[in-house]
N, C-alpha and C. Protein backbone atom coordinates (compact mmCIF):
# COMPACT_ATOMS: atom_id res chain seq x y z
N MET A 1 -6.04 -9.00 -18.85
CA MET A 1 -6.92 -7.89 -19.17
C MET A 1 -7.97 -7.68 -18.08
N ASN A 2 -8.48 -8.78 -17.50
CA ASN A 2 -9.44 -8.65 -16.41
C ASN A 2 -8.86 -7.90 -15.23
N ILE A 3 -7.57 -8.11 -14.97
CA ILE A 3 -6.93 -7.43 -13.84
C ILE A 3 -6.92 -5.93 -14.07
N LEU A 4 -6.55 -5.49 -15.28
CA LEU A 4 -6.54 -4.06 -15.57
C LEU A 4 -7.94 -3.46 -15.44
N LYS A 5 -8.93 -4.17 -15.94
CA LYS A 5 -10.31 -3.69 -15.79
C LYS A 5 -10.70 -3.62 -14.32
N GLY A 6 -10.31 -4.64 -13.57
CA GLY A 6 -10.61 -4.66 -12.14
C GLY A 6 -9.96 -3.50 -11.41
N ILE A 7 -8.69 -3.24 -11.72
CA ILE A 7 -7.99 -2.11 -11.10
C ILE A 7 -8.72 -0.81 -11.42
N PHE A 8 -9.06 -0.61 -12.70
CA PHE A 8 -9.74 0.61 -13.11
C PHE A 8 -11.10 0.75 -12.42
N GLU A 9 -11.85 -0.34 -12.38
CA GLU A 9 -13.17 -0.28 -11.76
C GLU A 9 -13.08 0.03 -10.27
N LEU A 10 -12.17 -0.61 -9.57
CA LEU A 10 -12.01 -0.32 -8.14
C LEU A 10 -11.51 1.11 -7.95
N ALA A 11 -10.56 1.52 -8.77
CA ALA A 11 -9.98 2.86 -8.64
C ALA A 11 -11.01 3.96 -8.85
N THR A 12 -12.06 3.64 -9.60
CA THR A 12 -13.10 4.63 -9.88
C THR A 12 -14.38 4.36 -9.09
N GLY A 13 -14.28 3.54 -8.05
CA GLY A 13 -15.40 3.36 -7.13
C GLY A 13 -16.48 2.41 -7.59
N ARG A 14 -16.13 1.45 -8.42
CA ARG A 14 -17.12 0.46 -8.86
C ARG A 14 -16.83 -0.87 -8.18
N ALA A 15 -17.72 -1.25 -7.28
CA ALA A 15 -17.51 -2.43 -6.44
C ALA A 15 -17.42 -3.72 -7.25
N GLY A 16 -18.05 -3.78 -8.41
CA GLY A 16 -18.00 -4.98 -9.23
C GLY A 16 -16.60 -5.34 -9.68
N GLY A 17 -15.69 -4.38 -9.63
CA GLY A 17 -14.31 -4.64 -10.02
C GLY A 17 -13.66 -5.73 -9.20
N ILE A 18 -14.14 -5.92 -7.99
CA ILE A 18 -13.55 -6.94 -7.11
C ILE A 18 -13.69 -8.33 -7.72
N GLU A 19 -14.75 -8.55 -8.49
CA GLU A 19 -15.00 -9.87 -9.08
C GLU A 19 -14.02 -10.21 -10.20
N ARG A 20 -13.26 -9.25 -10.66
CA ARG A 20 -12.30 -9.50 -11.75
C ARG A 20 -11.00 -10.12 -11.25
N PHE A 21 -10.87 -10.26 -9.95
CA PHE A 21 -9.65 -10.83 -9.37
C PHE A 21 -9.90 -12.27 -8.95
N GLY A 22 -8.86 -13.07 -9.08
CA GLY A 22 -8.97 -14.49 -8.78
C GLY A 22 -9.03 -14.79 -7.30
N THR A 23 -9.39 -16.03 -7.01
CA THR A 23 -9.52 -16.47 -5.62
C THR A 23 -8.56 -17.61 -5.28
N ALA A 24 -7.64 -17.89 -6.17
CA ALA A 24 -6.69 -18.99 -5.94
C ALA A 24 -5.40 -18.45 -5.31
N PRO A 25 -4.70 -19.27 -4.55
CA PRO A 25 -3.43 -18.83 -3.97
C PRO A 25 -2.44 -18.31 -5.02
N ARG A 26 -2.44 -18.90 -6.22
CA ARG A 26 -1.51 -18.43 -7.26
C ARG A 26 -1.83 -16.99 -7.69
N ASP A 27 -3.11 -16.60 -7.64
CA ASP A 27 -3.49 -15.23 -7.98
C ASP A 27 -2.87 -14.24 -6.99
N LEU A 28 -2.91 -14.62 -5.71
CA LEU A 28 -2.28 -13.78 -4.68
C LEU A 28 -0.77 -13.73 -4.88
N LYS A 29 -0.16 -14.87 -5.19
CA LYS A 29 1.29 -14.90 -5.42
C LYS A 29 1.69 -13.99 -6.56
N VAL A 30 0.95 -14.03 -7.67
CA VAL A 30 1.27 -13.17 -8.81
C VAL A 30 1.18 -11.71 -8.41
N SER A 31 0.15 -11.34 -7.65
CA SER A 31 0.02 -9.94 -7.22
C SER A 31 1.18 -9.53 -6.32
N LEU A 32 1.66 -10.46 -5.50
CA LEU A 32 2.82 -10.17 -4.65
C LEU A 32 4.09 -10.03 -5.47
N TYR A 33 4.25 -10.87 -6.49
CA TYR A 33 5.44 -10.76 -7.35
C TYR A 33 5.49 -9.38 -8.00
N VAL A 34 4.35 -8.94 -8.52
CA VAL A 34 4.30 -7.63 -9.17
C VAL A 34 4.57 -6.53 -8.14
N LEU A 35 3.97 -6.65 -6.98
CA LEU A 35 4.13 -5.65 -5.92
C LEU A 35 5.59 -5.55 -5.47
N MET A 36 6.30 -6.66 -5.47
CA MET A 36 7.69 -6.69 -5.01
C MET A 36 8.70 -6.25 -6.08
N THR A 37 8.24 -6.00 -7.29
CA THR A 37 9.16 -5.61 -8.37
C THR A 37 9.94 -4.35 -8.02
N VAL A 38 9.25 -3.32 -7.59
CA VAL A 38 9.93 -2.05 -7.28
C VAL A 38 10.92 -2.21 -6.13
N PRO A 39 10.55 -2.86 -5.01
CA PRO A 39 11.55 -3.05 -3.95
C PRO A 39 12.77 -3.85 -4.41
N VAL A 40 12.57 -4.86 -5.24
CA VAL A 40 13.71 -5.65 -5.71
C VAL A 40 14.62 -4.78 -6.58
N ILE A 41 14.04 -4.00 -7.48
CA ILE A 41 14.85 -3.11 -8.33
C ILE A 41 15.56 -2.07 -7.47
N SER A 42 14.85 -1.52 -6.49
CA SER A 42 15.47 -0.54 -5.58
C SER A 42 16.64 -1.16 -4.83
N ALA A 43 16.48 -2.40 -4.38
CA ALA A 43 17.56 -3.08 -3.66
C ALA A 43 18.76 -3.32 -4.56
N LEU A 44 18.52 -3.67 -5.81
CA LEU A 44 19.63 -3.87 -6.75
C LEU A 44 20.40 -2.57 -6.98
N VAL A 45 19.67 -1.47 -7.13
CA VAL A 45 20.33 -0.17 -7.30
C VAL A 45 21.11 0.17 -6.05
N MET A 46 20.52 -0.06 -4.88
CA MET A 46 21.20 0.24 -3.63
C MET A 46 22.43 -0.64 -3.45
N ALA A 47 22.34 -1.90 -3.86
CA ALA A 47 23.50 -2.80 -3.74
C ALA A 47 24.67 -2.26 -4.53
N ALA A 48 24.40 -1.69 -5.69
CA ALA A 48 25.47 -1.12 -6.51
C ALA A 48 26.08 0.11 -5.86
N ARG A 49 25.28 0.86 -5.11
CA ARG A 49 25.76 2.11 -4.51
C ARG A 49 26.32 1.94 -3.10
N ARG A 50 25.63 1.16 -2.27
CA ARG A 50 25.98 1.08 -0.85
C ARG A 50 26.40 -0.30 -0.38
N GLY A 51 26.29 -1.28 -1.21
CA GLY A 51 26.67 -2.63 -0.81
C GLY A 51 25.46 -3.51 -0.53
N MET A 52 25.74 -4.78 -0.47
CA MET A 52 24.68 -5.78 -0.33
C MET A 52 23.96 -5.72 1.01
N GLY A 53 24.67 -5.39 2.09
CA GLY A 53 24.04 -5.34 3.41
C GLY A 53 22.92 -4.32 3.48
N ALA A 54 23.20 -3.11 3.01
CA ALA A 54 22.17 -2.05 3.01
C ALA A 54 21.02 -2.43 2.09
N ALA A 55 21.35 -3.02 0.95
CA ALA A 55 20.32 -3.41 -0.01
C ALA A 55 19.39 -4.47 0.57
N LEU A 56 19.95 -5.46 1.24
CA LEU A 56 19.12 -6.50 1.85
C LEU A 56 18.25 -5.93 2.96
N GLY A 57 18.81 -5.00 3.72
CA GLY A 57 18.04 -4.36 4.78
C GLY A 57 16.84 -3.61 4.23
N ILE A 58 17.06 -2.84 3.18
CA ILE A 58 15.96 -2.09 2.56
C ILE A 58 14.95 -3.05 1.94
N LEU A 59 15.43 -4.10 1.28
CA LEU A 59 14.53 -5.07 0.66
C LEU A 59 13.64 -5.74 1.71
N LEU A 60 14.22 -6.14 2.83
CA LEU A 60 13.43 -6.75 3.89
C LEU A 60 12.43 -5.77 4.49
N LEU A 61 12.85 -4.53 4.67
CA LEU A 61 11.97 -3.50 5.21
C LEU A 61 10.77 -3.29 4.28
N LEU A 62 11.05 -3.13 2.99
CA LEU A 62 9.97 -2.90 2.03
C LEU A 62 9.08 -4.13 1.88
N ALA A 63 9.67 -5.32 1.91
CA ALA A 63 8.87 -6.54 1.82
C ALA A 63 7.91 -6.64 3.01
N CYS A 64 8.40 -6.32 4.19
CA CYS A 64 7.53 -6.33 5.38
C CYS A 64 6.40 -5.31 5.24
N ALA A 65 6.75 -4.12 4.76
CA ALA A 65 5.75 -3.07 4.60
C ALA A 65 4.68 -3.46 3.59
N LEU A 66 5.08 -4.14 2.53
CA LEU A 66 4.12 -4.52 1.49
C LEU A 66 3.29 -5.74 1.86
N MET A 67 3.83 -6.61 2.69
CA MET A 67 3.10 -7.84 3.04
C MET A 67 2.32 -7.73 4.35
N ALA A 68 2.65 -6.76 5.17
CA ALA A 68 1.96 -6.61 6.46
C ALA A 68 0.44 -6.45 6.31
N PRO A 69 -0.05 -5.64 5.36
CA PRO A 69 -1.51 -5.53 5.24
C PRO A 69 -2.20 -6.87 4.96
N ALA A 70 -1.55 -7.73 4.19
CA ALA A 70 -2.15 -9.04 3.91
C ALA A 70 -2.26 -9.88 5.18
N VAL A 71 -1.21 -9.86 5.98
CA VAL A 71 -1.21 -10.64 7.23
C VAL A 71 -2.24 -10.08 8.21
N ILE A 72 -2.24 -8.77 8.38
CA ILE A 72 -3.17 -8.13 9.32
C ILE A 72 -4.61 -8.33 8.87
N SER A 73 -4.87 -8.15 7.57
CA SER A 73 -6.24 -8.32 7.08
C SER A 73 -6.70 -9.77 7.18
N HIS A 74 -5.78 -10.71 7.06
CA HIS A 74 -6.16 -12.12 7.20
C HIS A 74 -6.62 -12.41 8.63
N VAL A 75 -5.91 -11.86 9.59
CA VAL A 75 -6.32 -12.03 11.00
C VAL A 75 -7.72 -11.44 11.20
N LEU A 76 -7.94 -10.25 10.67
CA LEU A 76 -9.26 -9.62 10.82
C LEU A 76 -10.35 -10.42 10.09
N ALA A 77 -10.04 -10.90 8.89
CA ALA A 77 -11.02 -11.68 8.12
C ALA A 77 -11.42 -12.94 8.89
N ARG A 78 -10.46 -13.60 9.49
CA ARG A 78 -10.77 -14.79 10.30
C ARG A 78 -11.62 -14.41 11.50
N PHE A 79 -11.25 -13.33 12.17
CA PHE A 79 -11.97 -12.88 13.36
C PHE A 79 -13.42 -12.53 13.02
N TRP A 80 -13.64 -11.91 11.87
CA TRP A 80 -14.98 -11.48 11.46
C TRP A 80 -15.74 -12.57 10.69
N GLY A 81 -15.14 -13.73 10.51
CA GLY A 81 -15.81 -14.78 9.76
C GLY A 81 -15.90 -14.50 8.27
N ARG A 82 -14.92 -13.78 7.73
CA ARG A 82 -14.93 -13.40 6.32
C ARG A 82 -13.75 -14.02 5.57
N GLU A 83 -13.18 -15.07 6.14
CA GLU A 83 -11.98 -15.67 5.56
C GLU A 83 -12.21 -16.17 4.13
N GLU A 84 -13.42 -16.59 3.82
CA GLU A 84 -13.70 -17.10 2.48
C GLU A 84 -13.51 -16.02 1.40
N PHE A 85 -13.58 -14.76 1.78
CA PHE A 85 -13.42 -13.65 0.83
C PHE A 85 -12.00 -13.08 0.83
N TRP A 86 -11.17 -13.54 1.75
CA TRP A 86 -9.87 -12.91 1.96
C TRP A 86 -8.92 -13.03 0.76
N LEU A 87 -8.80 -14.19 0.14
CA LEU A 87 -7.85 -14.33 -0.97
C LEU A 87 -8.14 -13.34 -2.09
N ARG A 88 -9.40 -13.22 -2.47
CA ARG A 88 -9.76 -12.26 -3.53
C ARG A 88 -9.47 -10.84 -3.06
N PHE A 89 -9.84 -10.54 -1.80
CA PHE A 89 -9.56 -9.20 -1.26
C PHE A 89 -8.07 -8.89 -1.31
N ALA A 90 -7.25 -9.80 -0.78
CA ALA A 90 -5.80 -9.54 -0.71
C ALA A 90 -5.21 -9.37 -2.11
N THR A 91 -5.67 -10.17 -3.06
CA THR A 91 -5.20 -10.04 -4.44
C THR A 91 -5.60 -8.69 -5.01
N ALA A 92 -6.86 -8.31 -4.84
CA ALA A 92 -7.34 -7.01 -5.33
C ALA A 92 -6.63 -5.86 -4.63
N PHE A 93 -6.41 -6.00 -3.33
CA PHE A 93 -5.73 -4.95 -2.57
C PHE A 93 -4.33 -4.71 -3.14
N ASN A 94 -3.60 -5.79 -3.39
CA ASN A 94 -2.25 -5.64 -3.94
C ASN A 94 -2.28 -4.98 -5.31
N TRP A 95 -3.16 -5.46 -6.18
CA TRP A 95 -3.23 -4.89 -7.52
C TRP A 95 -3.71 -3.44 -7.49
N SER A 96 -4.59 -3.10 -6.54
CA SER A 96 -5.14 -1.73 -6.51
C SER A 96 -4.07 -0.70 -6.17
N ARG A 97 -2.96 -1.14 -5.65
CA ARG A 97 -1.87 -0.20 -5.38
C ARG A 97 -1.31 0.39 -6.67
N MET A 98 -1.52 -0.31 -7.78
CA MET A 98 -1.11 0.24 -9.08
C MET A 98 -1.93 1.49 -9.40
N ALA A 99 -3.18 1.52 -8.96
CA ALA A 99 -4.01 2.70 -9.17
C ALA A 99 -3.44 3.89 -8.40
N VAL A 100 -2.95 3.63 -7.19
CA VAL A 100 -2.37 4.71 -6.38
C VAL A 100 -1.12 5.25 -7.06
N VAL A 101 -0.31 4.37 -7.64
CA VAL A 101 0.89 4.81 -8.37
C VAL A 101 0.49 5.68 -9.55
N THR A 102 -0.56 5.28 -10.25
CA THR A 102 -1.04 6.06 -11.40
C THR A 102 -1.54 7.43 -10.95
N VAL A 103 -2.34 7.45 -9.90
CA VAL A 103 -2.86 8.73 -9.38
C VAL A 103 -1.70 9.60 -8.89
N PHE A 104 -0.70 8.99 -8.27
CA PHE A 104 0.47 9.74 -7.83
C PHE A 104 1.15 10.43 -9.01
N THR A 105 1.30 9.70 -10.11
CA THR A 105 1.93 10.26 -11.30
C THR A 105 1.11 11.43 -11.85
N ILE A 106 -0.20 11.27 -11.88
CA ILE A 106 -1.07 12.35 -12.35
C ILE A 106 -0.97 13.55 -11.42
N MET A 107 -0.97 13.30 -10.11
CA MET A 107 -0.86 14.39 -9.14
C MET A 107 0.48 15.11 -9.23
N LEU A 108 1.52 14.37 -9.55
CA LEU A 108 2.83 14.99 -9.75
C LEU A 108 2.78 15.99 -10.89
N ALA A 109 2.15 15.59 -11.99
CA ALA A 109 2.01 16.49 -13.14
C ALA A 109 1.15 17.70 -12.78
N LEU A 110 0.06 17.47 -12.06
CA LEU A 110 -0.80 18.59 -11.64
C LEU A 110 -0.07 19.53 -10.69
N THR A 111 0.75 18.97 -9.83
CA THR A 111 1.54 19.79 -8.91
C THR A 111 2.50 20.68 -9.68
N ALA A 112 3.14 20.12 -10.69
CA ALA A 112 4.04 20.92 -11.53
C ALA A 112 3.28 22.06 -12.21
N LEU A 113 2.06 21.77 -12.67
CA LEU A 113 1.24 22.81 -13.29
C LEU A 113 0.86 23.89 -12.28
N LEU A 114 0.52 23.48 -11.06
CA LEU A 114 0.19 24.46 -10.02
C LEU A 114 1.38 25.37 -9.71
N ILE A 115 2.55 24.77 -9.64
CA ILE A 115 3.76 25.56 -9.37
C ILE A 115 4.02 26.53 -10.52
N GLN A 116 3.84 26.05 -11.75
CA GLN A 116 4.01 26.92 -12.92
C GLN A 116 3.00 28.06 -12.91
N ALA A 117 1.81 27.81 -12.35
CA ALA A 117 0.76 28.83 -12.29
C ALA A 117 0.98 29.81 -11.13
N GLY A 118 2.02 29.59 -10.34
CA GLY A 118 2.34 30.53 -9.28
C GLY A 118 2.02 30.08 -7.87
N VAL A 119 1.50 28.89 -7.70
CA VAL A 119 1.24 28.38 -6.35
C VAL A 119 2.59 28.06 -5.71
N PRO A 120 2.82 28.50 -4.47
CA PRO A 120 4.10 28.21 -3.81
C PRO A 120 4.39 26.70 -3.76
N ASP A 121 5.68 26.37 -3.92
CA ASP A 121 6.10 24.96 -3.94
C ASP A 121 5.56 24.17 -2.76
N ASN A 122 5.73 24.71 -1.55
CA ASN A 122 5.30 23.98 -0.36
C ASN A 122 3.80 23.73 -0.36
N SER A 123 3.03 24.73 -0.74
CA SER A 123 1.57 24.57 -0.78
C SER A 123 1.16 23.52 -1.79
N ALA A 124 1.76 23.56 -2.96
CA ALA A 124 1.44 22.58 -4.01
C ALA A 124 1.82 21.17 -3.56
N ALA A 125 2.98 21.04 -2.93
CA ALA A 125 3.43 19.72 -2.46
C ALA A 125 2.51 19.20 -1.36
N GLU A 126 2.13 20.07 -0.43
CA GLU A 126 1.24 19.67 0.66
C GLU A 126 -0.12 19.23 0.11
N LEU A 127 -0.61 19.95 -0.88
CA LEU A 127 -1.88 19.59 -1.51
C LEU A 127 -1.77 18.22 -2.18
N MET A 128 -0.65 17.98 -2.86
CA MET A 128 -0.45 16.69 -3.52
C MET A 128 -0.41 15.56 -2.50
N VAL A 129 0.36 15.73 -1.45
CA VAL A 129 0.48 14.69 -0.42
C VAL A 129 -0.89 14.42 0.22
N ALA A 130 -1.63 15.47 0.51
CA ALA A 130 -2.96 15.29 1.10
C ALA A 130 -3.89 14.55 0.15
N ALA A 131 -3.88 14.92 -1.11
CA ALA A 131 -4.76 14.27 -2.10
C ALA A 131 -4.41 12.80 -2.27
N ILE A 132 -3.12 12.50 -2.40
CA ILE A 132 -2.68 11.11 -2.57
C ILE A 132 -3.02 10.29 -1.32
N SER A 133 -2.77 10.86 -0.16
CA SER A 133 -3.05 10.15 1.10
C SER A 133 -4.54 9.85 1.23
N PHE A 134 -5.36 10.85 0.96
CA PHE A 134 -6.80 10.66 1.05
C PHE A 134 -7.26 9.60 0.06
N TYR A 135 -6.81 9.70 -1.18
CA TYR A 135 -7.22 8.73 -2.20
C TYR A 135 -6.78 7.32 -1.82
N SER A 136 -5.55 7.18 -1.37
CA SER A 136 -5.02 5.87 -1.01
C SER A 136 -5.83 5.25 0.13
N LEU A 137 -6.13 6.04 1.15
CA LEU A 137 -6.93 5.53 2.28
C LEU A 137 -8.35 5.18 1.84
N TRP A 138 -8.92 6.04 0.98
CA TRP A 138 -10.26 5.74 0.48
C TRP A 138 -10.26 4.44 -0.31
N LEU A 139 -9.27 4.25 -1.19
CA LEU A 139 -9.22 3.05 -2.01
C LEU A 139 -9.03 1.80 -1.14
N GLU A 140 -8.17 1.89 -0.13
CA GLU A 140 -8.00 0.76 0.79
C GLU A 140 -9.33 0.44 1.48
N TRP A 141 -10.03 1.48 1.93
CA TRP A 141 -11.32 1.29 2.58
C TRP A 141 -12.32 0.65 1.61
N PHE A 142 -12.37 1.15 0.39
CA PHE A 142 -13.31 0.65 -0.61
C PHE A 142 -13.04 -0.82 -0.94
N VAL A 143 -11.78 -1.16 -1.15
CA VAL A 143 -11.43 -2.55 -1.47
C VAL A 143 -11.71 -3.46 -0.27
N ALA A 144 -11.42 -3.00 0.94
CA ALA A 144 -11.72 -3.80 2.14
C ALA A 144 -13.23 -4.00 2.29
N ARG A 145 -13.97 -2.94 2.13
CA ARG A 145 -15.43 -3.00 2.29
C ARG A 145 -16.05 -4.00 1.33
N HIS A 146 -15.66 -3.90 0.06
CA HIS A 146 -16.29 -4.74 -0.95
C HIS A 146 -15.58 -6.08 -1.13
N GLY A 147 -14.29 -6.11 -0.87
CA GLY A 147 -13.55 -7.36 -1.01
C GLY A 147 -13.86 -8.35 0.10
N LEU A 148 -13.94 -7.85 1.32
CA LEU A 148 -14.25 -8.72 2.46
C LEU A 148 -15.75 -8.77 2.75
N ARG A 149 -16.49 -7.91 2.06
CA ARG A 149 -17.95 -7.82 2.24
C ARG A 149 -18.28 -7.54 3.70
N ILE A 150 -17.73 -6.41 4.15
CA ILE A 150 -17.92 -5.99 5.54
C ILE A 150 -18.57 -4.62 5.57
N SER A 151 -18.99 -4.21 6.74
CA SER A 151 -19.62 -2.89 6.90
C SER A 151 -18.59 -1.78 6.71
N ALA A 152 -19.10 -0.58 6.52
CA ALA A 152 -18.23 0.59 6.37
C ALA A 152 -17.36 0.78 7.61
N GLY A 153 -17.96 0.57 8.78
CA GLY A 153 -17.20 0.71 10.04
C GLY A 153 -16.08 -0.30 10.16
N ARG A 154 -16.36 -1.55 9.81
CA ARG A 154 -15.31 -2.56 9.87
C ARG A 154 -14.23 -2.28 8.83
N ALA A 155 -14.62 -1.73 7.70
CA ALA A 155 -13.61 -1.38 6.69
C ALA A 155 -12.68 -0.29 7.23
N ILE A 156 -13.23 0.65 7.99
CA ILE A 156 -12.39 1.68 8.62
C ILE A 156 -11.43 1.02 9.60
N VAL A 157 -11.95 0.10 10.41
CA VAL A 157 -11.09 -0.62 11.36
C VAL A 157 -9.99 -1.36 10.61
N ALA A 158 -10.33 -2.00 9.51
CA ALA A 158 -9.33 -2.74 8.72
C ALA A 158 -8.24 -1.82 8.21
N VAL A 159 -8.63 -0.67 7.67
CA VAL A 159 -7.64 0.28 7.14
C VAL A 159 -6.75 0.81 8.26
N LEU A 160 -7.35 1.16 9.38
CA LEU A 160 -6.56 1.64 10.51
C LEU A 160 -5.61 0.56 11.02
N ALA A 161 -6.10 -0.67 11.11
CA ALA A 161 -5.26 -1.77 11.60
C ALA A 161 -4.12 -2.07 10.62
N MET A 162 -4.42 -2.10 9.32
CA MET A 162 -3.37 -2.40 8.34
C MET A 162 -2.31 -1.31 8.32
N ASN A 163 -2.73 -0.06 8.32
CA ASN A 163 -1.76 1.03 8.28
C ASN A 163 -1.04 1.20 9.61
N GLY A 164 -1.78 1.13 10.71
CA GLY A 164 -1.15 1.25 12.02
C GLY A 164 -0.20 0.10 12.30
N GLY A 165 -0.63 -1.11 11.96
CA GLY A 165 0.23 -2.29 12.16
C GLY A 165 1.49 -2.22 11.32
N THR A 166 1.35 -1.78 10.08
CA THR A 166 2.52 -1.64 9.21
C THR A 166 3.48 -0.60 9.77
N PHE A 167 2.92 0.52 10.22
CA PHE A 167 3.76 1.57 10.80
C PHE A 167 4.53 1.04 12.01
N LEU A 168 3.84 0.37 12.90
CA LEU A 168 4.51 -0.17 14.10
C LEU A 168 5.57 -1.21 13.73
N LEU A 169 5.25 -2.05 12.77
CA LEU A 169 6.20 -3.06 12.32
C LEU A 169 7.49 -2.43 11.81
N LEU A 170 7.37 -1.28 11.18
CA LEU A 170 8.55 -0.61 10.64
C LEU A 170 9.21 0.31 11.65
N ALA A 171 8.43 0.95 12.51
CA ALA A 171 8.98 1.94 13.43
C ALA A 171 9.65 1.33 14.65
N ILE A 172 9.07 0.28 15.21
CA ILE A 172 9.59 -0.28 16.46
C ILE A 172 11.04 -0.76 16.32
N PRO A 173 11.39 -1.53 15.29
CA PRO A 173 12.81 -1.94 15.18
C PRO A 173 13.76 -0.75 15.06
N SER A 174 13.32 0.29 14.35
CA SER A 174 14.16 1.48 14.22
C SER A 174 14.35 2.16 15.57
N LEU A 175 13.28 2.28 16.34
CA LEU A 175 13.38 2.91 17.66
C LEU A 175 14.25 2.08 18.61
N ILE A 176 14.09 0.76 18.56
CA ILE A 176 14.92 -0.12 19.41
C ILE A 176 16.38 0.01 19.02
N SER A 177 16.65 0.02 17.73
CA SER A 177 18.02 0.14 17.25
C SER A 177 18.65 1.45 17.71
N ARG A 178 17.90 2.53 17.58
CA ARG A 178 18.42 3.84 18.01
C ARG A 178 18.65 3.88 19.51
N ALA A 179 17.73 3.28 20.26
CA ALA A 179 17.88 3.26 21.72
C ALA A 179 19.11 2.47 22.13
N LEU A 180 19.34 1.35 21.46
CA LEU A 180 20.51 0.53 21.78
C LEU A 180 21.81 1.22 21.40
N MET A 181 21.75 2.05 20.38
CA MET A 181 22.95 2.75 19.92
C MET A 181 23.11 4.11 20.60
N GLY A 182 22.15 4.46 21.47
CA GLY A 182 22.26 5.70 22.22
C GLY A 182 21.84 6.94 21.45
N GLU A 183 21.12 6.77 20.34
CA GLU A 183 20.66 7.92 19.57
C GLU A 183 19.28 8.34 20.05
N ALA A 184 19.04 9.65 20.04
CA ALA A 184 17.72 10.16 20.38
C ALA A 184 16.82 10.05 19.16
N PRO A 185 15.52 9.74 19.35
CA PRO A 185 14.60 9.70 18.21
C PRO A 185 14.51 11.06 17.53
N ALA A 186 14.34 11.05 16.23
CA ALA A 186 14.22 12.29 15.47
C ALA A 186 12.93 12.99 15.86
N GLY A 187 12.96 14.31 15.84
CA GLY A 187 11.73 15.06 16.09
C GLY A 187 11.84 15.84 17.29
């Protein structure tokens, strides 16, 4: 119950929500287990459709994407002398992604209402993507700021590093693979 309260408090901009998350390694493990549920289910569905090789590839890709922020933020926490706060931050960060999923679901419903009201599909979809992206980045910044107890500027650096690092981790192997296979990058 404390976790749900913590998610809600962080999702609504209340810094005290960070205190509802544990500081033990097992707390981080539990948050990772929950976070990995969707990728594991997706991999099982993909295994049934495309085979085990594709499923394992997707599972590894998603696992890297979900765990990269923890690794990158740990490096930053050590560099900034905030390592003592990192376990709670990483646990809260993982759990706070549930808030983003909830907001995404709400935005999906609002987008459908906008389309029903006559807003063009593309405009409604772009508005939804912008709102979700902004909220997600804000929440990451908020959790980093209060979880690691760092300045607003360092929290921006943390968010940029976590997202940029995750992007590079996922994009570089794809670009190398395409280059080796003689394919031109999309775009």
